Each structure stands twice: as C-alpha cells, then as structure tokens.
Amino acid sequence: MSIFEYNGSAVVAMVGKNCFAIASDRRLGVQLQTIATDFQRVFKVHDKLYIGLSGLATDAQTLYQRLVFRHKLYQLREERDMKPETFASLVSALLYEKRELAKDFVVSGTASESLYGACESMYKPNMEPDELFETVSQALNSSIDRDCLSGWGGYVLIVTPTEVREHVIKSRMD
C-alpha cells in the first residue's frame, strides 16, 4: 500500500454558474481502521478561496500551514488577498510541478478513480448553486461508497459571490 493511501480520502471540486463547490469525505483512518469520523480536508485560505487536501493527514496539515503563511506574506506585501490563479501558481511551486487550472472539476484521494467517473457522468456546465450542491454531493457519495478507505459522510462548501454555505451530508457508515 502506498503512503498516499495510508489515511484514505476523497476530495472533489466543481465549478458552477458564478459559484463553485468543494467537498470531501470525513473519515480519518489508518489503512482499514477508522480513527475519526469528523476529519476536515477542506481548508479556508480566505473568504473566497478554499483548498482540499488529500493524502497523508499530517502532510496535508503541514502543507496548509505553509500555504497560509505564504498567503499572509502576500497580503502584507500586496495589501490584498490572493486571486485563485495566483494561489494555484503558489501551490504548483510548492509541489514542484506545473499544474493547469481545471475548467470544470478536479478530484483527488484514494476514491479519485470513481470520483472521475461520477463527475464525468453528472457534471454539466453553468449549474446554479443548488444544482451544483446536489451534483457534487451525489458524486462524492457514490464514490466513497466504492472506496473502503474513505467515507463516513461528507462535507460540502458552496461558495458564491455573496455567501458561503456549509453542509454535512450523510453516507454509509460501514
């Protein structure tokens, strides 16, 4: 088993019409043993910028702390928050490889194969926030049902220009 599969995870983000959603499972496990059922994988950088981190839990938390540190330095120097494109470049630089910004959805974690399939079949462009919530929730739930290393519910954020809505969704707990 790879170290990237040690804790298990499922993270998905989708773009809608003037909004976006980011969702993750809530299970923290050590291989097949469940440690916690309320683990957070979606992190806030600022009011309109969030990042979902899968993989080894300690590495994800360390990377998040480094990203927040770099964002605070940027705020001090530029006197404004980072734009998503700038933040994506920062993440790419920290991970030592060039990444392109996704146009529709991105997935990661041990459930990524089933997430790709679910997102490809359910995603459509220009979804309104409520439809986007339903789509990302269904994709996450159907995917974590097929991955024994992720699950125990989900956490979904819907971000629009005027609000951020948080939802905890139920899924199989076995």
N, C-alpha and C. Protein backbone atom coordinates (compact mmCIF):
# COMPACT_ATOMS: atom_id res chain seq x y z
N MET A 1 0.84 -1.18 0.00
CA MET A 1 0.00 0.00 0.00
C MET A 1 0.89 1.25 0.00
N SER A 2 0.54 2.20 -0.83
CA SER A 2 1.28 3.45 -0.93
C SER A 2 1.03 4.33 0.30
N ILE A 3 1.98 5.18 0.64
CA ILE A 3 1.80 6.10 1.77
C ILE A 3 0.66 7.07 1.49
N PHE A 4 0.36 7.33 0.20
CA PHE A 4 -0.74 8.22 -0.16
C PHE A 4 -2.09 7.58 0.13
N GLU A 5 -2.12 6.27 0.30
CA GLU A 5 -3.35 5.55 0.62
C GLU A 5 -3.46 5.22 2.11
N TYR A 6 -2.49 5.62 2.90
CA TYR A 6 -2.42 5.27 4.31
C TYR A 6 -3.65 5.78 5.08
N ASN A 7 -4.05 7.03 4.85
CA ASN A 7 -5.20 7.60 5.55
C ASN A 7 -6.49 7.52 4.73
N GLY A 8 -6.42 7.34 3.44
CA GLY A 8 -7.60 7.32 2.59
C GLY A 8 -8.25 8.69 2.52
N SER A 9 -8.94 8.98 1.42
CA SER A 9 -9.60 10.28 1.29
C SER A 9 -10.36 10.36 -0.01
N ALA A 10 -11.24 11.35 -0.06
CA ALA A 10 -11.96 11.68 -1.29
C ALA A 10 -12.22 13.18 -1.27
N VAL A 11 -11.72 13.89 -2.28
CA VAL A 11 -11.90 15.34 -2.38
C VAL A 11 -12.31 15.65 -3.81
N VAL A 12 -13.33 16.50 -3.96
CA VAL A 12 -13.80 16.90 -5.29
C VAL A 12 -14.17 18.38 -5.26
N ALA A 13 -13.89 19.08 -6.35
CA ALA A 13 -14.29 20.48 -6.51
C ALA A 13 -14.91 20.64 -7.89
N MET A 14 -15.99 21.42 -7.97
CA MET A 14 -16.68 21.67 -9.24
C MET A 14 -17.00 23.14 -9.38
N VAL A 15 -17.02 23.57 -10.63
CA VAL A 15 -17.36 24.94 -10.96
C VAL A 15 -18.80 24.99 -11.44
N GLY A 16 -19.54 26.00 -10.97
CA GLY A 16 -20.91 26.22 -11.43
C GLY A 16 -21.03 27.59 -12.05
N LYS A 17 -22.26 28.04 -12.19
CA LYS A 17 -22.51 29.36 -12.75
C LYS A 17 -22.31 30.39 -11.65
N ASN A 18 -21.21 31.13 -11.71
CA ASN A 18 -20.89 32.17 -10.74
C ASN A 18 -20.75 31.61 -9.32
N CYS A 19 -20.31 30.35 -9.21
CA CYS A 19 -20.12 29.72 -7.90
C CYS A 19 -19.19 28.52 -8.08
N PHE A 20 -18.76 27.95 -6.96
CA PHE A 20 -18.02 26.70 -7.01
C PHE A 20 -18.34 25.91 -5.75
N ALA A 21 -18.07 24.60 -5.83
CA ALA A 21 -18.29 23.71 -4.69
C ALA A 21 -17.00 22.94 -4.45
N ILE A 22 -16.74 22.66 -3.20
CA ILE A 22 -15.62 21.80 -2.83
C ILE A 22 -16.13 20.87 -1.74
N ALA A 23 -15.83 19.58 -1.88
CA ALA A 23 -16.39 18.59 -0.96
C ALA A 23 -15.33 17.54 -0.63
N SER A 24 -15.49 16.93 0.53
CA SER A 24 -14.58 15.86 0.94
C SER A 24 -15.31 14.89 1.84
N ASP A 25 -14.72 13.72 1.99
CA ASP A 25 -15.24 12.78 2.96
C ASP A 25 -14.80 13.21 4.35
N ARG A 26 -15.27 12.52 5.38
CA ARG A 26 -14.96 12.92 6.76
C ARG A 26 -14.19 11.86 7.53
N ARG A 27 -13.79 10.78 6.88
CA ARG A 27 -13.12 9.67 7.56
C ARG A 27 -11.63 9.91 7.66
N LEU A 28 -11.07 9.69 8.83
CA LEU A 28 -9.62 9.61 9.01
C LEU A 28 -9.34 8.20 9.48
N GLY A 29 -8.55 7.49 8.70
CA GLY A 29 -8.25 6.12 9.05
C GLY A 29 -6.79 5.81 8.89
N VAL A 30 -6.39 4.72 9.49
CA VAL A 30 -5.07 4.16 9.28
C VAL A 30 -5.31 2.86 8.55
N GLN A 31 -5.15 2.91 7.25
CA GLN A 31 -5.49 1.83 6.34
C GLN A 31 -6.96 1.46 6.54
N LEU A 32 -7.28 0.28 7.02
CA LEU A 32 -8.68 -0.13 7.15
C LEU A 32 -9.29 0.20 8.51
N GLN A 33 -8.51 0.76 9.43
CA GLN A 33 -9.01 1.10 10.76
C GLN A 33 -9.45 2.57 10.78
N THR A 34 -10.68 2.83 11.23
CA THR A 34 -11.19 4.19 11.31
C THR A 34 -10.77 4.82 12.63
N ILE A 35 -10.16 6.01 12.55
CA ILE A 35 -9.70 6.73 13.73
C ILE A 35 -10.71 7.81 14.12
N ALA A 36 -11.20 8.57 13.13
CA ALA A 36 -12.15 9.65 13.39
C ALA A 36 -13.14 9.74 12.24
N THR A 37 -14.33 10.25 12.54
CA THR A 37 -15.37 10.38 11.52
C THR A 37 -15.76 11.83 11.29
N ASP A 38 -14.91 12.76 11.72
CA ASP A 38 -15.19 14.19 11.51
C ASP A 38 -13.94 14.94 11.08
N PHE A 39 -13.08 14.28 10.32
CA PHE A 39 -11.81 14.88 9.90
C PHE A 39 -12.05 15.89 8.78
N GLN A 40 -11.36 17.01 8.85
CA GLN A 40 -11.53 18.10 7.90
C GLN A 40 -10.43 18.05 6.84
N ARG A 41 -10.83 18.03 5.56
CA ARG A 41 -9.88 18.04 4.45
C ARG A 41 -10.00 19.30 3.60
N VAL A 42 -11.02 20.11 3.85
CA VAL A 42 -11.22 21.36 3.12
C VAL A 42 -10.79 22.49 4.04
N PHE A 43 -9.86 23.31 3.56
CA PHE A 43 -9.27 24.35 4.38
C PHE A 43 -9.54 25.72 3.77
N LYS A 44 -9.78 26.71 4.62
CA LYS A 44 -10.04 28.08 4.20
C LYS A 44 -8.74 28.87 4.16
N VAL A 45 -8.49 29.51 3.02
CA VAL A 45 -7.33 30.39 2.89
C VAL A 45 -7.78 31.83 3.13
N HIS A 46 -8.85 32.24 2.48
CA HIS A 46 -9.55 33.49 2.78
C HIS A 46 -11.01 33.31 2.40
N ASP A 47 -11.82 34.35 2.53
CA ASP A 47 -13.28 34.21 2.40
C ASP A 47 -13.74 33.59 1.09
N LYS A 48 -13.00 33.75 0.02
CA LYS A 48 -13.41 33.23 -1.28
C LYS A 48 -12.43 32.22 -1.86
N LEU A 49 -11.53 31.69 -1.04
CA LEU A 49 -10.53 30.75 -1.52
C LEU A 49 -10.37 29.60 -0.54
N TYR A 50 -10.61 28.40 -1.04
CA TYR A 50 -10.52 27.19 -0.23
C TYR A 50 -9.67 26.18 -0.98
N ILE A 51 -9.08 25.26 -0.22
CA ILE A 51 -8.30 24.19 -0.83
C ILE A 51 -8.65 22.88 -0.14
N GLY A 52 -8.76 21.83 -0.93
CA GLY A 52 -8.98 20.48 -0.42
C GLY A 52 -7.70 19.69 -0.56
N LEU A 53 -7.27 19.07 0.52
CA LEU A 53 -6.00 18.34 0.52
C LEU A 53 -6.24 16.90 0.92
N SER A 54 -5.84 15.99 0.05
CA SER A 54 -5.95 14.56 0.34
C SER A 54 -4.56 14.02 0.64
N GLY A 55 -4.49 12.73 0.87
CA GLY A 55 -3.19 12.11 1.15
C GLY A 55 -2.96 11.96 2.64
N LEU A 56 -1.71 11.83 3.00
CA LEU A 56 -1.33 11.65 4.40
C LEU A 56 -1.78 12.87 5.21
N ALA A 57 -2.52 12.65 6.26
CA ALA A 57 -3.15 13.75 7.02
C ALA A 57 -2.14 14.74 7.56
N THR A 58 -1.04 14.27 8.10
CA THR A 58 -0.04 15.19 8.66
C THR A 58 0.60 16.04 7.57
N ASP A 59 0.84 15.46 6.40
CA ASP A 59 1.39 16.22 5.28
C ASP A 59 0.40 17.28 4.80
N ALA A 60 -0.88 16.93 4.76
CA ALA A 60 -1.90 17.89 4.33
C ALA A 60 -1.98 19.07 5.30
N GLN A 61 -1.92 18.80 6.59
CA GLN A 61 -1.97 19.88 7.57
C GLN A 61 -0.72 20.76 7.51
N THR A 62 0.43 20.15 7.29
CA THR A 62 1.67 20.92 7.16
C THR A 62 1.65 21.78 5.91
N LEU A 63 1.20 21.22 4.79
CA LEU A 63 1.10 21.99 3.55
C LEU A 63 0.14 23.16 3.71
N TYR A 64 -0.99 22.94 4.36
CA TYR A 64 -1.95 24.02 4.60
C TYR A 64 -1.31 25.15 5.41
N GLN A 65 -0.57 24.80 6.45
CA GLN A 65 0.10 25.83 7.26
C GLN A 65 1.11 26.63 6.43
N ARG A 66 1.84 25.97 5.55
CA ARG A 66 2.79 26.66 4.68
C ARG A 66 2.06 27.58 3.70
N LEU A 67 0.92 27.13 3.18
CA LEU A 67 0.15 27.95 2.24
C LEU A 67 -0.43 29.18 2.92
N VAL A 68 -0.92 29.02 4.13
CA VAL A 68 -1.45 30.16 4.89
C VAL A 68 -0.33 31.16 5.19
N PHE A 69 0.83 30.66 5.55
CA PHE A 69 1.99 31.53 5.81
C PHE A 69 2.34 32.34 4.57
N ARG A 70 2.42 31.66 3.42
CA ARG A 70 2.73 32.37 2.17
C ARG A 70 1.64 33.36 1.79
N HIS A 71 0.39 33.02 2.06
CA HIS A 71 -0.72 33.95 1.76
C HIS A 71 -0.63 35.19 2.64
N LYS A 72 -0.29 35.01 3.91
CA LYS A 72 -0.17 36.16 4.81
C LYS A 72 0.98 37.08 4.39
N LEU A 73 2.08 36.49 3.93
CA LEU A 73 3.17 37.31 3.41
C LEU A 73 2.73 38.10 2.18
N TYR A 74 1.96 37.45 1.32
CA TYR A 74 1.43 38.12 0.12
C TYR A 74 0.51 39.27 0.52
N GLN A 75 -0.35 39.04 1.51
CA GLN A 75 -1.26 40.09 1.99
C GLN A 75 -0.48 41.29 2.52
N LEU A 76 0.57 41.04 3.26
CA LEU A 76 1.38 42.13 3.79
C LEU A 76 2.05 42.94 2.68
N ARG A 77 2.56 42.23 1.68
CA ARG A 77 3.27 42.89 0.60
C ARG A 77 2.32 43.59 -0.37
N GLU A 78 1.22 42.93 -0.75
CA GLU A 78 0.32 43.44 -1.79
C GLU A 78 -0.90 44.18 -1.23
N GLU A 79 -1.16 44.03 0.07
CA GLU A 79 -2.31 44.65 0.73
C GLU A 79 -3.65 44.22 0.11
N ARG A 80 -3.73 42.95 -0.27
CA ARG A 80 -4.97 42.37 -0.80
C ARG A 80 -4.85 40.85 -0.73
N ASP A 81 -5.99 40.18 -0.90
CA ASP A 81 -5.99 38.71 -0.92
C ASP A 81 -5.50 38.20 -2.27
N MET A 82 -5.02 36.97 -2.26
CA MET A 82 -4.58 36.34 -3.50
C MET A 82 -5.76 35.98 -4.38
N LYS A 83 -5.57 36.10 -5.67
CA LYS A 83 -6.55 35.60 -6.64
C LYS A 83 -6.34 34.10 -6.77
N PRO A 84 -7.38 33.37 -7.18
CA PRO A 84 -7.23 31.91 -7.32
C PRO A 84 -6.09 31.50 -8.26
N GLU A 85 -5.89 32.24 -9.36
CA GLU A 85 -4.82 31.90 -10.30
C GLU A 85 -3.45 32.04 -9.63
N THR A 86 -3.28 33.09 -8.84
CA THR A 86 -2.02 33.30 -8.12
C THR A 86 -1.80 32.19 -7.10
N PHE A 87 -2.86 31.82 -6.40
CA PHE A 87 -2.77 30.77 -5.40
C PHE A 87 -2.44 29.43 -6.06
N ALA A 88 -3.02 29.16 -7.22
CA ALA A 88 -2.72 27.92 -7.95
C ALA A 88 -1.24 27.87 -8.33
N SER A 89 -0.69 29.01 -8.73
CA SER A 89 0.74 29.05 -9.05
C SER A 89 1.59 28.80 -7.80
N LEU A 90 1.16 29.34 -6.67
CA LEU A 90 1.86 29.11 -5.41
C LEU A 90 1.86 27.63 -5.05
N VAL A 91 0.70 27.00 -5.16
CA VAL A 91 0.59 25.57 -4.86
C VAL A 91 1.47 24.77 -5.82
N SER A 92 1.45 25.11 -7.09
CA SER A 92 2.29 24.42 -8.08
C SER A 92 3.76 24.55 -7.73
N ALA A 93 4.18 25.75 -7.34
CA ALA A 93 5.58 25.97 -6.99
C ALA A 93 5.96 25.15 -5.76
N LEU A 94 5.07 25.08 -4.78
CA LEU A 94 5.38 24.30 -3.57
C LEU A 94 5.43 22.80 -3.87
N LEU A 95 4.65 22.35 -4.82
CA LEU A 95 4.63 20.93 -5.15
C LEU A 95 5.62 20.55 -6.24
N TYR A 96 6.41 21.53 -6.72
CA TYR A 96 7.49 21.30 -7.69
C TYR A 96 7.02 20.80 -9.04
N GLU A 97 5.85 21.15 -9.46
CA GLU A 97 5.45 20.80 -10.81
C GLU A 97 4.41 21.77 -11.32
N LYS A 98 4.33 21.87 -12.61
CA LYS A 98 3.39 22.79 -13.24
C LYS A 98 2.03 22.11 -13.33
N ARG A 99 1.01 22.78 -12.84
CA ARG A 99 -0.35 22.27 -12.91
C ARG A 99 -1.22 23.28 -13.64
N GLU A 100 -2.17 22.79 -14.39
CA GLU A 100 -3.11 23.68 -15.06
C GLU A 100 -4.34 23.85 -14.19
N LEU A 101 -4.98 24.99 -14.31
CA LEU A 101 -6.24 25.20 -13.61
C LEU A 101 -7.33 24.40 -14.30
N ALA A 102 -8.12 23.70 -13.52
CA ALA A 102 -9.22 22.92 -14.09
C ALA A 102 -10.34 23.84 -14.53
N LYS A 103 -11.01 23.46 -15.58
CA LYS A 103 -12.10 24.28 -16.10
C LYS A 103 -13.46 23.84 -15.55
N ASP A 104 -13.58 22.59 -15.14
CA ASP A 104 -14.88 22.10 -14.71
C ASP A 104 -14.86 21.39 -13.36
N PHE A 105 -13.99 20.38 -13.17
CA PHE A 105 -13.90 19.71 -11.87
C PHE A 105 -12.52 19.10 -11.70
N VAL A 106 -12.14 18.89 -10.43
CA VAL A 106 -10.91 18.19 -10.08
C VAL A 106 -11.23 17.21 -8.96
N VAL A 107 -10.47 16.14 -8.90
CA VAL A 107 -10.66 15.13 -7.85
C VAL A 107 -9.30 14.72 -7.32
N SER A 108 -9.29 14.18 -6.10
CA SER A 108 -8.06 13.61 -5.54
C SER A 108 -8.42 12.62 -4.46
N GLY A 109 -7.44 11.85 -4.05
CA GLY A 109 -7.64 10.89 -2.96
C GLY A 109 -7.72 9.47 -3.46
N THR A 110 -7.93 8.57 -2.52
CA THR A 110 -8.00 7.15 -2.87
C THR A 110 -9.26 6.83 -3.67
N ALA A 111 -10.28 7.68 -3.58
CA ALA A 111 -11.52 7.47 -4.33
C ALA A 111 -11.51 8.22 -5.66
N SER A 112 -10.34 8.66 -6.11
CA SER A 112 -10.30 9.52 -7.30
C SER A 112 -10.79 8.84 -8.57
N GLU A 113 -10.54 7.55 -8.74
CA GLU A 113 -11.00 6.87 -9.96
C GLU A 113 -12.51 6.87 -10.05
N SER A 114 -13.18 6.52 -8.96
CA SER A 114 -14.64 6.52 -9.00
C SER A 114 -15.19 7.95 -9.02
N LEU A 115 -14.47 8.91 -8.43
CA LEU A 115 -14.88 10.31 -8.50
C LEU A 115 -14.84 10.82 -9.93
N TYR A 116 -13.78 10.46 -10.68
CA TYR A 116 -13.70 10.86 -12.09
C TYR A 116 -14.92 10.36 -12.86
N GLY A 117 -15.23 9.09 -12.68
CA GLY A 117 -16.37 8.52 -13.39
C GLY A 117 -17.68 9.19 -13.02
N ALA A 118 -17.89 9.41 -11.72
CA ALA A 118 -19.13 10.04 -11.27
C ALA A 118 -19.22 11.48 -11.77
N CYS A 119 -18.13 12.21 -11.69
CA CYS A 119 -18.13 13.61 -12.12
C CYS A 119 -18.33 13.72 -13.63
N GLU A 120 -17.69 12.84 -14.39
CA GLU A 120 -17.85 12.88 -15.84
C GLU A 120 -19.29 12.61 -16.25
N SER A 121 -19.97 11.74 -15.52
CA SER A 121 -21.35 11.44 -15.90
C SER A 121 -22.35 12.45 -15.36
N MET A 122 -22.06 13.13 -14.26
CA MET A 122 -23.04 14.03 -13.63
C MET A 122 -22.80 15.51 -13.93
N TYR A 123 -21.56 15.90 -14.21
CA TYR A 123 -21.25 17.32 -14.36
C TYR A 123 -21.83 17.90 -15.65
N LYS A 124 -22.36 19.11 -15.53
CA LYS A 124 -22.73 19.89 -16.71
C LYS A 124 -22.39 21.35 -16.43
N PRO A 125 -22.05 22.11 -17.45
CA PRO A 125 -21.61 23.49 -17.24
C PRO A 125 -22.73 24.40 -16.73
N ASN A 126 -22.34 25.48 -16.08
CA ASN A 126 -23.22 26.56 -15.65
C ASN A 126 -24.35 26.12 -14.72
N MET A 127 -24.05 25.26 -13.77
CA MET A 127 -25.07 24.86 -12.79
C MET A 127 -25.26 25.96 -11.76
N GLU A 128 -26.48 26.16 -11.33
CA GLU A 128 -26.79 27.09 -10.25
C GLU A 128 -26.33 26.46 -8.93
N PRO A 129 -26.17 27.25 -7.86
CA PRO A 129 -25.64 26.71 -6.60
C PRO A 129 -26.38 25.49 -6.05
N ASP A 130 -27.71 25.48 -6.08
CA ASP A 130 -28.45 24.33 -5.54
C ASP A 130 -28.22 23.07 -6.37
N GLU A 131 -28.20 23.23 -7.68
CA GLU A 131 -27.95 22.09 -8.56
C GLU A 131 -26.51 21.60 -8.41
N LEU A 132 -25.58 22.54 -8.25
CA LEU A 132 -24.18 22.19 -8.05
C LEU A 132 -24.00 21.41 -6.74
N PHE A 133 -24.69 21.84 -5.68
CA PHE A 133 -24.63 21.12 -4.40
C PHE A 133 -25.12 19.69 -4.58
N GLU A 134 -26.24 19.52 -5.25
CA GLU A 134 -26.79 18.18 -5.45
C GLU A 134 -25.84 17.31 -6.27
N THR A 135 -25.25 17.87 -7.31
CA THR A 135 -24.35 17.11 -8.18
C THR A 135 -23.08 16.69 -7.45
N VAL A 136 -22.44 17.63 -6.76
CA VAL A 136 -21.19 17.30 -6.08
C VAL A 136 -21.46 16.34 -4.92
N SER A 137 -22.59 16.48 -4.25
CA SER A 137 -22.94 15.56 -3.16
C SER A 137 -23.17 14.15 -3.67
N GLN A 138 -23.90 14.02 -4.77
CA GLN A 138 -24.16 12.70 -5.35
C GLN A 138 -22.87 12.05 -5.85
N ALA A 139 -22.01 12.85 -6.49
CA ALA A 139 -20.74 12.32 -6.99
C ALA A 139 -19.87 11.83 -5.82
N LEU A 140 -19.79 12.64 -4.75
CA LEU A 140 -19.00 12.25 -3.59
C LEU A 140 -19.56 11.00 -2.94
N ASN A 141 -20.87 10.98 -2.70
CA ASN A 141 -21.47 9.81 -2.04
C ASN A 141 -21.31 8.54 -2.86
N SER A 142 -21.56 8.62 -4.16
CA SER A 142 -21.44 7.40 -4.97
C SER A 142 -19.99 6.92 -5.02
N SER A 143 -19.04 7.82 -4.93
CA SER A 143 -17.63 7.43 -5.00
C SER A 143 -17.12 6.86 -3.68
N ILE A 144 -17.48 7.47 -2.57
CA ILE A 144 -16.97 6.94 -1.30
C ILE A 144 -17.65 5.62 -0.92
N ASP A 145 -18.81 5.34 -1.53
CA ASP A 145 -19.42 4.03 -1.34
C ASP A 145 -18.60 2.92 -1.99
N ARG A 146 -17.75 3.28 -2.94
CA ARG A 146 -16.94 2.31 -3.67
C ARG A 146 -15.49 2.26 -3.19
N ASP A 147 -15.16 3.01 -2.15
CA ASP A 147 -13.79 3.07 -1.65
C ASP A 147 -13.80 2.82 -0.15
N CYS A 148 -13.19 1.72 0.28
CA CYS A 148 -13.23 1.38 1.70
C CYS A 148 -12.31 2.26 2.55
N LEU A 149 -11.43 3.05 1.93
CA LEU A 149 -10.52 3.90 2.70
C LEU A 149 -11.04 5.31 2.89
N SER A 150 -12.21 5.63 2.36
CA SER A 150 -12.81 6.95 2.56
C SER A 150 -14.26 6.75 2.95
N GLY A 151 -14.91 7.83 3.38
CA GLY A 151 -16.32 7.72 3.71
C GLY A 151 -16.70 8.40 5.00
N TRP A 152 -17.69 7.83 5.66
CA TRP A 152 -18.25 8.33 6.91
C TRP A 152 -18.82 9.74 6.75
N GLY A 153 -19.55 9.94 5.71
CA GLY A 153 -20.20 11.23 5.49
C GLY A 153 -19.35 12.14 4.63
N GLY A 154 -19.89 13.32 4.39
CA GLY A 154 -19.17 14.27 3.56
C GLY A 154 -19.35 15.69 4.07
N TYR A 155 -18.48 16.55 3.60
CA TYR A 155 -18.50 17.96 3.94
C TYR A 155 -18.48 18.72 2.62
N VAL A 156 -19.48 19.60 2.41
CA VAL A 156 -19.60 20.32 1.14
C VAL A 156 -19.68 21.81 1.42
N LEU A 157 -18.88 22.58 0.69
CA LEU A 157 -18.94 24.04 0.73
C LEU A 157 -19.43 24.53 -0.63
N ILE A 158 -20.40 25.42 -0.63
CA ILE A 158 -20.84 26.09 -1.84
C ILE A 158 -20.49 27.56 -1.67
N VAL A 159 -19.65 28.08 -2.55
CA VAL A 159 -19.18 29.46 -2.44
C VAL A 159 -19.74 30.27 -3.61
N THR A 160 -20.47 31.34 -3.29
CA THR A 160 -21.00 32.27 -4.27
C THR A 160 -20.41 33.65 -3.97
N PRO A 161 -20.63 34.63 -4.82
CA PRO A 161 -20.10 35.97 -4.52
C PRO A 161 -20.65 36.58 -3.24
N THR A 162 -21.81 36.13 -2.78
CA THR A 162 -22.43 36.74 -1.61
C THR A 162 -22.42 35.88 -0.36
N GLU A 163 -22.18 34.57 -0.49
CA GLU A 163 -22.25 33.71 0.69
C GLU A 163 -21.42 32.46 0.54
N VAL A 164 -21.17 31.82 1.68
CA VAL A 164 -20.53 30.51 1.75
C VAL A 164 -21.45 29.62 2.56
N ARG A 165 -21.93 28.55 1.92
CA ARG A 165 -22.83 27.62 2.60
C ARG A 165 -22.09 26.31 2.88
N GLU A 166 -22.18 25.88 4.14
CA GLU A 166 -21.55 24.62 4.55
C GLU A 166 -22.63 23.58 4.78
N HIS A 167 -22.36 22.36 4.32
CA HIS A 167 -23.29 21.25 4.51
C HIS A 167 -22.52 20.02 4.95
N VAL A 168 -23.07 19.29 5.88
CA VAL A 168 -22.55 17.97 6.24
C VAL A 168 -23.55 16.97 5.69
N ILE A 169 -23.10 16.06 4.86
CA ILE A 169 -24.00 15.10 4.25
C ILE A 169 -23.76 13.71 4.85
N LYS A 170 -24.81 12.95 4.89
CA LYS A 170 -24.73 11.60 5.45
C LYS A 170 -24.44 10.61 4.34
N SER A 171 -23.72 9.56 4.71
CA SER A 171 -23.46 8.47 3.77
C SER A 171 -23.37 7.18 4.58
N ARG A 172 -23.03 6.10 3.90
CA ARG A 172 -22.89 4.83 4.60
C ARG A 172 -21.83 4.95 5.68
N MET A 173 -22.04 4.26 6.78
CA MET A 173 -21.11 4.33 7.90
C MET A 173 -20.60 2.92 8.26
N ASP A 174 -20.27 2.17 7.22
CA ASP A 174 -19.76 0.82 7.49
C ASP A 174 -18.41 0.59 6.86
